[in-house]
Amino acid sequence: MSPLGWLLGFVLPGCATAGAARLPPRPDLSQLRRPSAPNNALAGPASFSPPPDIVTPVYPVATERLHAIVRDVAGRQPRTAALEETPPQLSWVQRSALFNFPDMITARPEPAGAGASTLILYSESVYGRYDFGVNHRRLRTWLSAISNALQQPPGK
């Protein structure tokens, strides 16, 4: 953690820690209510409510495989730590490099028929009203990595 994050932690406690310490619990994505502040982004099927910013496809893999791919993609992201895993939902915290600001990402793979699944992916800033597009870009990055992983044979 940077010294700036440590100092900022006197005002914003979540910035003074590493990983998931001092962060609020994650929402259940099946009952998501988005805040009015523009500091979050949502990806999900077109039929999802609330309406997603990014529409995710139906993935041609079972939910368990998509779950494993999402976990692997999250583990490869910089400054990212597992927050909680409450099946079928997974959550992480990703921190900014300079100030250690925490953003929380939650994923929920769901079945979509035999051998297929959908994905709800939500990213939000813990602090601040604006995120300058960081959460939306993060979802695009993760979804691209998930698509790339799906093109690889299992076990690669």
N, C-alpha and C. Protein backbone atom coordinates (compact mmCIF):
# COMPACT_ATOMS: atom_id res chain seq x y z
N MET A 1 0.85 -1.17 0.00
CA MET A 1 0.00 0.00 0.00
C MET A 1 0.89 1.24 0.00
N SER A 2 0.45 2.26 -0.72
CA SER A 2 1.24 3.48 -0.81
C SER A 2 1.08 4.32 0.46
N PRO A 3 2.07 5.17 0.77
CA PRO A 3 1.95 6.06 1.92
C PRO A 3 0.73 6.99 1.78
N LEU A 4 0.39 7.37 0.55
CA LEU A 4 -0.77 8.24 0.35
C LEU A 4 -2.06 7.52 0.75
N GLY A 5 -2.16 6.25 0.44
CA GLY A 5 -3.33 5.47 0.85
C GLY A 5 -3.42 5.37 2.36
N TRP A 6 -2.28 5.19 3.00
CA TRP A 6 -2.26 5.11 4.46
C TRP A 6 -2.73 6.42 5.08
N LEU A 7 -2.24 7.55 4.58
CA LEU A 7 -2.65 8.85 5.10
C LEU A 7 -4.13 9.11 4.82
N LEU A 8 -4.59 8.77 3.63
CA LEU A 8 -5.99 8.95 3.27
C LEU A 8 -6.89 8.10 4.16
N GLY A 9 -6.36 7.03 4.70
CA GLY A 9 -7.12 6.14 5.57
C GLY A 9 -7.61 6.78 6.85
N PHE A 10 -7.04 7.91 7.24
CA PHE A 10 -7.55 8.62 8.41
C PHE A 10 -8.95 9.18 8.15
N VAL A 11 -9.24 9.48 6.89
CA VAL A 11 -10.54 10.03 6.52
C VAL A 11 -11.43 8.95 5.90
N LEU A 12 -10.84 8.12 5.07
CA LEU A 12 -11.56 7.05 4.37
C LEU A 12 -10.94 5.72 4.81
N PRO A 13 -11.51 5.06 5.83
CA PRO A 13 -10.87 3.88 6.43
C PRO A 13 -10.55 2.76 5.45
N GLY A 14 -11.34 2.58 4.42
CA GLY A 14 -11.08 1.51 3.47
C GLY A 14 -9.82 1.70 2.66
N CYS A 15 -9.26 2.91 2.67
CA CYS A 15 -8.02 3.18 1.92
C CYS A 15 -6.77 2.81 2.72
N ALA A 16 -6.91 2.65 4.02
CA ALA A 16 -5.75 2.39 4.88
C ALA A 16 -5.45 0.92 5.04
N THR A 17 -6.17 0.07 4.34
CA THR A 17 -5.98 -1.36 4.49
C THR A 17 -5.67 -2.01 3.15
N ALA A 18 -5.25 -3.23 3.23
CA ALA A 18 -5.03 -4.03 2.02
C ALA A 18 -6.17 -5.02 1.89
N GLY A 19 -6.36 -5.54 0.72
CA GLY A 19 -7.38 -6.57 0.52
C GLY A 19 -8.77 -6.09 0.87
N ALA A 20 -9.52 -6.93 1.58
CA ALA A 20 -10.94 -6.70 1.81
C ALA A 20 -11.27 -6.07 3.15
N ALA A 21 -10.28 -5.76 3.95
CA ALA A 21 -10.55 -5.22 5.29
C ALA A 21 -11.31 -3.90 5.22
N ARG A 22 -12.25 -3.73 6.14
CA ARG A 22 -13.03 -2.50 6.32
C ARG A 22 -13.93 -2.14 5.15
N LEU A 23 -14.37 -3.11 4.40
CA LEU A 23 -15.25 -2.84 3.26
C LEU A 23 -16.66 -3.36 3.55
N PRO A 24 -17.66 -2.70 2.98
CA PRO A 24 -19.04 -3.12 3.23
C PRO A 24 -19.35 -4.45 2.55
N PRO A 25 -20.39 -5.15 3.02
CA PRO A 25 -20.77 -6.41 2.37
C PRO A 25 -21.30 -6.17 0.97
N ARG A 26 -21.23 -7.18 0.16
CA ARG A 26 -21.66 -7.10 -1.23
C ARG A 26 -23.16 -7.31 -1.35
N PRO A 27 -23.78 -6.64 -2.32
CA PRO A 27 -25.21 -6.85 -2.53
C PRO A 27 -25.47 -8.18 -3.22
N ASP A 28 -26.64 -8.72 -3.01
CA ASP A 28 -27.07 -9.90 -3.75
C ASP A 28 -27.48 -9.41 -5.14
N LEU A 29 -26.76 -9.83 -6.16
CA LEU A 29 -27.03 -9.31 -7.51
C LEU A 29 -28.42 -9.67 -8.02
N SER A 30 -29.03 -10.71 -7.47
CA SER A 30 -30.38 -11.05 -7.91
C SER A 30 -31.40 -10.03 -7.40
N GLN A 31 -30.97 -9.17 -6.46
CA GLN A 31 -31.86 -8.14 -5.91
C GLN A 31 -31.20 -6.76 -5.97
N LEU A 32 -30.36 -6.54 -6.95
CA LEU A 32 -29.56 -5.33 -7.05
C LEU A 32 -30.41 -4.08 -7.24
N ARG A 33 -30.09 -3.07 -6.46
CA ARG A 33 -30.62 -1.72 -6.63
C ARG A 33 -29.41 -0.81 -6.81
N ARG A 34 -29.33 -0.21 -7.98
CA ARG A 34 -28.17 0.63 -8.27
C ARG A 34 -28.31 2.00 -7.61
N PRO A 35 -27.22 2.53 -7.10
CA PRO A 35 -27.27 3.87 -6.51
C PRO A 35 -27.43 4.93 -7.60
N SER A 36 -27.85 6.11 -7.21
CA SER A 36 -28.02 7.19 -8.19
C SER A 36 -26.69 7.78 -8.62
N ALA A 37 -25.64 7.62 -7.82
CA ALA A 37 -24.32 8.15 -8.17
C ALA A 37 -23.77 7.41 -9.38
N PRO A 38 -23.13 8.13 -10.30
CA PRO A 38 -22.57 7.49 -11.50
C PRO A 38 -21.18 6.90 -11.25
N ASN A 39 -21.05 6.11 -10.18
CA ASN A 39 -19.76 5.52 -9.85
C ASN A 39 -19.81 3.99 -9.87
N ASN A 40 -20.61 3.45 -10.79
CA ASN A 40 -20.76 2.00 -10.89
C ASN A 40 -21.05 1.63 -12.33
N ALA A 41 -20.91 0.35 -12.62
CA ALA A 41 -21.22 -0.16 -13.95
C ALA A 41 -21.76 -1.58 -13.79
N LEU A 42 -22.69 -1.93 -14.67
CA LEU A 42 -23.36 -3.23 -14.62
C LEU A 42 -23.33 -3.88 -15.99
N ALA A 43 -22.95 -5.14 -16.02
CA ALA A 43 -23.02 -5.96 -17.23
C ALA A 43 -23.92 -7.14 -16.91
N GLY A 44 -24.77 -7.50 -17.86
CA GLY A 44 -25.66 -8.63 -17.63
C GLY A 44 -26.49 -8.91 -18.87
N PRO A 45 -27.31 -9.95 -18.81
CA PRO A 45 -28.18 -10.27 -19.94
C PRO A 45 -29.14 -9.11 -20.22
N ALA A 46 -29.59 -8.98 -21.45
CA ALA A 46 -30.49 -7.89 -21.85
C ALA A 46 -31.75 -7.87 -21.00
N SER A 47 -32.20 -9.02 -20.55
CA SER A 47 -33.44 -9.11 -19.78
C SER A 47 -33.25 -8.80 -18.29
N PHE A 48 -32.02 -8.55 -17.86
CA PHE A 48 -31.75 -8.32 -16.44
C PHE A 48 -32.33 -6.99 -15.99
N SER A 49 -32.76 -6.95 -14.73
CA SER A 49 -33.26 -5.72 -14.15
C SER A 49 -32.50 -5.48 -12.86
N PRO A 50 -31.91 -4.30 -12.72
CA PRO A 50 -31.99 -3.11 -13.56
C PRO A 50 -31.26 -3.30 -14.88
N PRO A 51 -31.62 -2.51 -15.88
CA PRO A 51 -31.00 -2.68 -17.20
C PRO A 51 -29.48 -2.50 -17.14
N PRO A 52 -28.75 -3.41 -17.76
CA PRO A 52 -27.28 -3.33 -17.73
C PRO A 52 -26.74 -2.26 -18.68
N ASP A 53 -25.56 -1.76 -18.34
CA ASP A 53 -24.83 -0.84 -19.21
C ASP A 53 -24.21 -1.60 -20.38
N ILE A 54 -23.82 -2.84 -20.11
CA ILE A 54 -23.19 -3.71 -21.11
C ILE A 54 -23.99 -5.01 -21.12
N VAL A 55 -24.42 -5.43 -22.30
CA VAL A 55 -25.18 -6.68 -22.42
C VAL A 55 -24.19 -7.82 -22.61
N THR A 56 -24.32 -8.83 -21.75
CA THR A 56 -23.47 -10.01 -21.85
C THR A 56 -24.17 -11.09 -22.67
N PRO A 57 -23.41 -11.92 -23.36
CA PRO A 57 -24.01 -12.97 -24.17
C PRO A 57 -24.38 -14.19 -23.33
N VAL A 58 -25.02 -15.14 -23.96
CA VAL A 58 -25.17 -16.46 -23.37
C VAL A 58 -23.87 -17.19 -23.71
N TYR A 59 -23.19 -17.66 -22.69
CA TYR A 59 -21.91 -18.33 -22.88
C TYR A 59 -22.14 -19.83 -23.10
N PRO A 60 -21.43 -20.43 -24.05
CA PRO A 60 -21.66 -21.85 -24.38
C PRO A 60 -20.93 -22.82 -23.45
N VAL A 61 -20.98 -22.53 -22.16
CA VAL A 61 -20.35 -23.41 -21.16
C VAL A 61 -21.26 -23.52 -19.95
N ALA A 62 -21.09 -24.60 -19.21
CA ALA A 62 -21.86 -24.79 -17.98
C ALA A 62 -21.48 -23.72 -16.96
N THR A 63 -22.35 -23.47 -16.04
CA THR A 63 -22.15 -22.44 -15.02
C THR A 63 -20.86 -22.67 -14.23
N GLU A 64 -20.56 -23.92 -13.91
CA GLU A 64 -19.36 -24.22 -13.13
C GLU A 64 -18.09 -23.79 -13.88
N ARG A 65 -18.06 -24.02 -15.17
CA ARG A 65 -16.88 -23.62 -15.97
C ARG A 65 -16.78 -22.10 -16.04
N LEU A 66 -17.90 -21.42 -16.26
CA LEU A 66 -17.88 -19.96 -16.30
C LEU A 66 -17.44 -19.40 -14.94
N HIS A 67 -17.90 -19.99 -13.88
CA HIS A 67 -17.51 -19.60 -12.52
C HIS A 67 -15.99 -19.68 -12.38
N ALA A 68 -15.40 -20.79 -12.81
CA ALA A 68 -13.95 -20.99 -12.72
C ALA A 68 -13.19 -19.98 -13.59
N ILE A 69 -13.71 -19.69 -14.77
CA ILE A 69 -13.06 -18.73 -15.66
C ILE A 69 -13.09 -17.34 -15.05
N VAL A 70 -14.24 -16.94 -14.52
CA VAL A 70 -14.35 -15.62 -13.90
C VAL A 70 -13.38 -15.51 -12.72
N ARG A 71 -13.30 -16.54 -11.90
CA ARG A 71 -12.38 -16.54 -10.76
C ARG A 71 -10.93 -16.40 -11.25
N ASP A 72 -10.58 -17.12 -12.32
CA ASP A 72 -9.22 -17.04 -12.86
C ASP A 72 -8.93 -15.64 -13.42
N VAL A 73 -9.88 -15.08 -14.16
CA VAL A 73 -9.70 -13.73 -14.71
C VAL A 73 -9.50 -12.72 -13.57
N ALA A 74 -10.30 -12.80 -12.54
CA ALA A 74 -10.18 -11.89 -11.40
C ALA A 74 -8.81 -12.02 -10.75
N GLY A 75 -8.34 -13.24 -10.62
CA GLY A 75 -7.05 -13.48 -9.99
C GLY A 75 -5.87 -12.93 -10.75
N ARG A 76 -6.07 -12.63 -12.02
CA ARG A 76 -4.99 -12.08 -12.86
C ARG A 76 -5.00 -10.55 -12.92
N GLN A 77 -5.98 -9.93 -12.28
CA GLN A 77 -6.07 -8.48 -12.33
C GLN A 77 -5.13 -7.85 -11.30
N PRO A 78 -4.53 -6.71 -11.64
CA PRO A 78 -3.60 -6.08 -10.69
C PRO A 78 -4.34 -5.56 -9.45
N ARG A 79 -3.67 -5.64 -8.31
CA ARG A 79 -4.17 -5.10 -7.04
C ARG A 79 -5.58 -5.59 -6.70
N THR A 80 -5.86 -6.83 -7.02
CA THR A 80 -7.19 -7.41 -6.80
C THR A 80 -7.09 -8.55 -5.79
N ALA A 81 -8.03 -8.56 -4.84
CA ALA A 81 -8.06 -9.60 -3.81
C ALA A 81 -9.48 -10.13 -3.69
N ALA A 82 -9.59 -11.41 -3.39
CA ALA A 82 -10.91 -12.01 -3.17
C ALA A 82 -11.55 -11.35 -1.96
N LEU A 83 -12.83 -11.08 -2.08
CA LEU A 83 -13.57 -10.44 -1.01
C LEU A 83 -14.46 -11.46 -0.31
N GLU A 84 -15.32 -12.12 -1.08
CA GLU A 84 -16.14 -13.18 -0.51
C GLU A 84 -16.66 -14.07 -1.63
N GLU A 85 -16.97 -15.28 -1.25
CA GLU A 85 -17.57 -16.22 -2.19
C GLU A 85 -18.77 -16.84 -1.50
N THR A 86 -19.92 -16.45 -1.96
CA THR A 86 -21.18 -16.96 -1.45
C THR A 86 -21.94 -17.51 -2.65
N PRO A 87 -21.73 -18.80 -2.99
CA PRO A 87 -22.32 -19.33 -4.21
C PRO A 87 -23.79 -18.96 -4.35
N PRO A 88 -24.17 -18.56 -5.55
CA PRO A 88 -23.40 -18.57 -6.79
C PRO A 88 -22.62 -17.29 -7.05
N GLN A 89 -22.42 -16.47 -6.05
CA GLN A 89 -21.84 -15.15 -6.24
C GLN A 89 -20.40 -15.10 -5.75
N LEU A 90 -19.57 -14.32 -6.47
CA LEU A 90 -18.17 -14.12 -6.12
C LEU A 90 -17.91 -12.63 -6.07
N SER A 91 -17.03 -12.18 -5.16
CA SER A 91 -16.73 -10.75 -5.05
C SER A 91 -15.24 -10.53 -4.82
N TRP A 92 -14.75 -9.40 -5.34
CA TRP A 92 -13.36 -9.00 -5.20
C TRP A 92 -13.29 -7.52 -4.90
N VAL A 93 -12.14 -7.11 -4.42
CA VAL A 93 -11.82 -5.69 -4.29
C VAL A 93 -10.60 -5.45 -5.17
N GLN A 94 -10.66 -4.35 -5.92
CA GLN A 94 -9.52 -3.93 -6.72
C GLN A 94 -9.17 -2.52 -6.28
N ARG A 95 -7.91 -2.29 -5.98
CA ARG A 95 -7.50 -1.00 -5.43
C ARG A 95 -6.69 -0.19 -6.44
N SER A 96 -6.88 1.12 -6.39
CA SER A 96 -6.12 2.01 -7.27
C SER A 96 -4.65 2.01 -6.85
N ALA A 97 -3.78 2.25 -7.81
CA ALA A 97 -2.34 2.16 -7.56
C ALA A 97 -1.84 3.26 -6.63
N LEU A 98 -2.31 4.48 -6.77
CA LEU A 98 -1.74 5.59 -6.03
C LEU A 98 -2.38 5.80 -4.66
N PHE A 99 -3.69 5.90 -4.61
CA PHE A 99 -4.37 6.23 -3.36
C PHE A 99 -4.98 5.03 -2.64
N ASN A 100 -4.90 3.85 -3.24
CA ASN A 100 -5.44 2.63 -2.63
C ASN A 100 -6.97 2.66 -2.51
N PHE A 101 -7.64 3.47 -3.36
CA PHE A 101 -9.10 3.51 -3.34
C PHE A 101 -9.65 2.13 -3.68
N PRO A 102 -10.60 1.62 -2.90
CA PRO A 102 -11.17 0.31 -3.19
C PRO A 102 -12.39 0.41 -4.11
N ASP A 103 -12.42 -0.42 -5.12
CA ASP A 103 -13.61 -0.65 -5.95
C ASP A 103 -13.98 -2.11 -5.75
N MET A 104 -15.26 -2.39 -5.70
CA MET A 104 -15.69 -3.77 -5.47
C MET A 104 -16.38 -4.31 -6.72
N ILE A 105 -16.04 -5.54 -7.04
CA ILE A 105 -16.57 -6.22 -8.23
C ILE A 105 -17.27 -7.48 -7.76
N THR A 106 -18.48 -7.69 -8.27
CA THR A 106 -19.26 -8.87 -7.91
C THR A 106 -19.70 -9.55 -9.20
N ALA A 107 -19.57 -10.87 -9.24
CA ALA A 107 -19.97 -11.67 -10.40
C ALA A 107 -20.96 -12.74 -9.97
N ARG A 108 -21.88 -13.02 -10.86
CA ARG A 108 -22.87 -14.07 -10.60
C ARG A 108 -23.15 -14.82 -11.90
N PRO A 109 -22.46 -15.94 -12.13
CA PRO A 109 -22.80 -16.79 -13.27
C PRO A 109 -24.12 -17.51 -12.97
N GLU A 110 -24.97 -17.63 -13.98
CA GLU A 110 -26.25 -18.31 -13.81
C GLU A 110 -26.52 -19.25 -14.98
N PRO A 111 -27.20 -20.36 -14.72
CA PRO A 111 -27.51 -21.30 -15.80
C PRO A 111 -28.45 -20.66 -16.83
N ALA A 112 -28.25 -21.07 -18.07
CA ALA A 112 -29.10 -20.58 -19.17
C ALA A 112 -29.43 -21.73 -20.11
N GLY A 113 -29.84 -22.86 -19.54
CA GLY A 113 -30.12 -24.04 -20.35
C GLY A 113 -28.99 -25.02 -20.28
N ALA A 114 -29.16 -26.13 -20.97
CA ALA A 114 -28.16 -27.20 -20.96
C ALA A 114 -26.83 -26.72 -21.52
N GLY A 115 -25.78 -26.78 -20.70
CA GLY A 115 -24.44 -26.43 -21.15
C GLY A 115 -24.25 -24.96 -21.50
N ALA A 116 -25.08 -24.09 -20.98
CA ALA A 116 -24.96 -22.66 -21.26
C ALA A 116 -25.16 -21.86 -19.97
N SER A 117 -24.62 -20.66 -19.95
CA SER A 117 -24.78 -19.79 -18.79
C SER A 117 -24.73 -18.33 -19.19
N THR A 118 -25.20 -17.51 -18.27
CA THR A 118 -25.13 -16.06 -18.42
C THR A 118 -24.28 -15.52 -17.28
N LEU A 119 -23.93 -14.25 -17.36
CA LEU A 119 -23.09 -13.64 -16.34
C LEU A 119 -23.60 -12.25 -16.02
N ILE A 120 -23.73 -11.99 -14.73
CA ILE A 120 -23.99 -10.64 -14.23
C ILE A 120 -22.70 -10.21 -13.57
N LEU A 121 -22.22 -9.03 -13.94
CA LEU A 121 -20.96 -8.51 -13.42
C LEU A 121 -21.19 -7.05 -13.04
N TYR A 122 -20.90 -6.71 -11.79
CA TYR A 122 -21.16 -5.38 -11.26
C TYR A 122 -19.91 -4.83 -10.60
N SER A 123 -19.56 -3.60 -10.93
CA SER A 123 -18.38 -2.97 -10.36
C SER A 123 -18.77 -1.59 -9.83
N GLU A 124 -18.36 -1.31 -8.60
CA GLU A 124 -18.71 -0.01 -8.01
C GLU A 124 -17.58 0.52 -7.14
N SER A 125 -17.50 1.85 -7.10
CA SER A 125 -16.54 2.52 -6.24
C SER A 125 -17.09 2.59 -4.83
N VAL A 126 -16.23 2.42 -3.85
CA VAL A 126 -16.64 2.56 -2.46
C VAL A 126 -16.75 4.04 -2.11
N TYR A 127 -15.80 4.84 -2.59
CA TYR A 127 -15.77 6.26 -2.27
C TYR A 127 -15.92 7.08 -3.54
N GLY A 128 -16.51 8.25 -3.40
CA GLY A 128 -16.62 9.20 -4.49
C GLY A 128 -17.91 9.07 -5.26
N ARG A 129 -18.34 10.16 -5.83
CA ARG A 129 -19.57 10.19 -6.61
C ARG A 129 -19.30 9.80 -8.06
N TYR A 130 -18.14 10.16 -8.59
CA TYR A 130 -17.80 9.88 -9.99
C TYR A 130 -16.62 8.93 -10.04
N ASP A 131 -16.63 8.09 -11.06
CA ASP A 131 -15.51 7.15 -11.21
C ASP A 131 -14.73 7.40 -12.48
N PHE A 132 -15.11 8.41 -13.26
CA PHE A 132 -14.42 8.77 -14.50
C PHE A 132 -14.34 7.59 -15.46
N GLY A 133 -15.34 6.72 -15.43
CA GLY A 133 -15.43 5.60 -16.35
C GLY A 133 -14.61 4.37 -15.97
N VAL A 134 -13.98 4.39 -14.80
CA VAL A 134 -13.11 3.29 -14.39
C VAL A 134 -13.88 1.97 -14.29
N ASN A 135 -15.05 1.98 -13.68
CA ASN A 135 -15.81 0.74 -13.50
C ASN A 135 -16.29 0.17 -14.83
N HIS A 136 -16.71 1.02 -15.73
CA HIS A 136 -17.15 0.56 -17.06
C HIS A 136 -15.97 -0.06 -17.81
N ARG A 137 -14.82 0.60 -17.79
CA ARG A 137 -13.63 0.06 -18.46
C ARG A 137 -13.21 -1.26 -17.83
N ARG A 138 -13.32 -1.35 -16.51
CA ARG A 138 -12.97 -2.60 -15.83
C ARG A 138 -13.84 -3.74 -16.33
N LEU A 139 -15.15 -3.50 -16.41
CA LEU A 139 -16.04 -4.57 -16.88
C LEU A 139 -15.70 -4.98 -18.30
N ARG A 140 -15.40 -4.02 -19.16
CA ARG A 140 -15.01 -4.34 -20.54
C ARG A 140 -13.74 -5.20 -20.55
N THR A 141 -12.77 -4.84 -19.72
CA THR A 141 -11.52 -5.60 -19.63
C THR A 141 -11.78 -7.03 -19.17
N TRP A 142 -12.56 -7.18 -18.10
CA TRP A 142 -12.85 -8.51 -17.57
C TRP A 142 -13.64 -9.33 -18.58
N LEU A 143 -14.64 -8.73 -19.22
CA LEU A 143 -15.46 -9.48 -20.19
C LEU A 143 -14.63 -9.92 -21.40
N SER A 144 -13.70 -9.07 -21.81
CA SER A 144 -12.81 -9.45 -22.90
C SER A 144 -11.92 -10.62 -22.49
N ALA A 145 -11.39 -10.57 -21.27
CA ALA A 145 -10.55 -11.67 -20.78
C ALA A 145 -11.36 -12.96 -20.64
N ILE A 146 -12.61 -12.84 -20.22
CA ILE A 146 -13.48 -14.02 -20.11
C ILE A 146 -13.72 -14.61 -21.50
N SER A 147 -14.01 -13.77 -22.48
CA SER A 147 -14.21 -14.26 -23.86
C SER A 147 -12.96 -14.94 -24.39
N ASN A 148 -11.79 -14.36 -24.13
CA ASN A 148 -10.54 -14.97 -24.56
C ASN A 148 -10.33 -16.33 -23.89
N ALA A 149 -10.63 -16.41 -22.60
CA ALA A 149 -10.46 -17.67 -21.87
C ALA A 149 -11.40 -18.75 -22.40
N LEU A 150 -12.57 -18.35 -22.82
CA LEU A 150 -13.53 -19.33 -23.36
C LEU A 150 -13.06 -19.92 -24.68
N GLN A 151 -12.18 -19.23 -25.38
CA GLN A 151 -11.67 -19.74 -26.64
C GLN A 151 -10.51 -20.72 -26.44
N GLN A 152 -10.01 -20.80 -25.19
CA GLN A 152 -8.94 -21.75 -24.87
C GLN A 152 -9.53 -23.06 -24.42
N PRO A 153 -8.90 -24.16 -24.72
CA PRO A 153 -9.38 -25.45 -24.21
C PRO A 153 -9.29 -25.49 -22.70
N PRO A 154 -10.20 -26.21 -22.01
CA PRO A 154 -10.14 -26.32 -20.56
C PRO A 154 -8.76 -26.80 -20.10
N GLY A 155 -8.29 -26.24 -19.00
CA GLY A 155 -7.01 -26.65 -18.45
C GLY A 155 -5.83 -25.85 -18.97
N LYS A 156 -6.07 -24.91 -19.87
CA LYS A 156 -4.98 -24.08 -20.40
C LYS A 156 -4.91 -22.76 -19.68
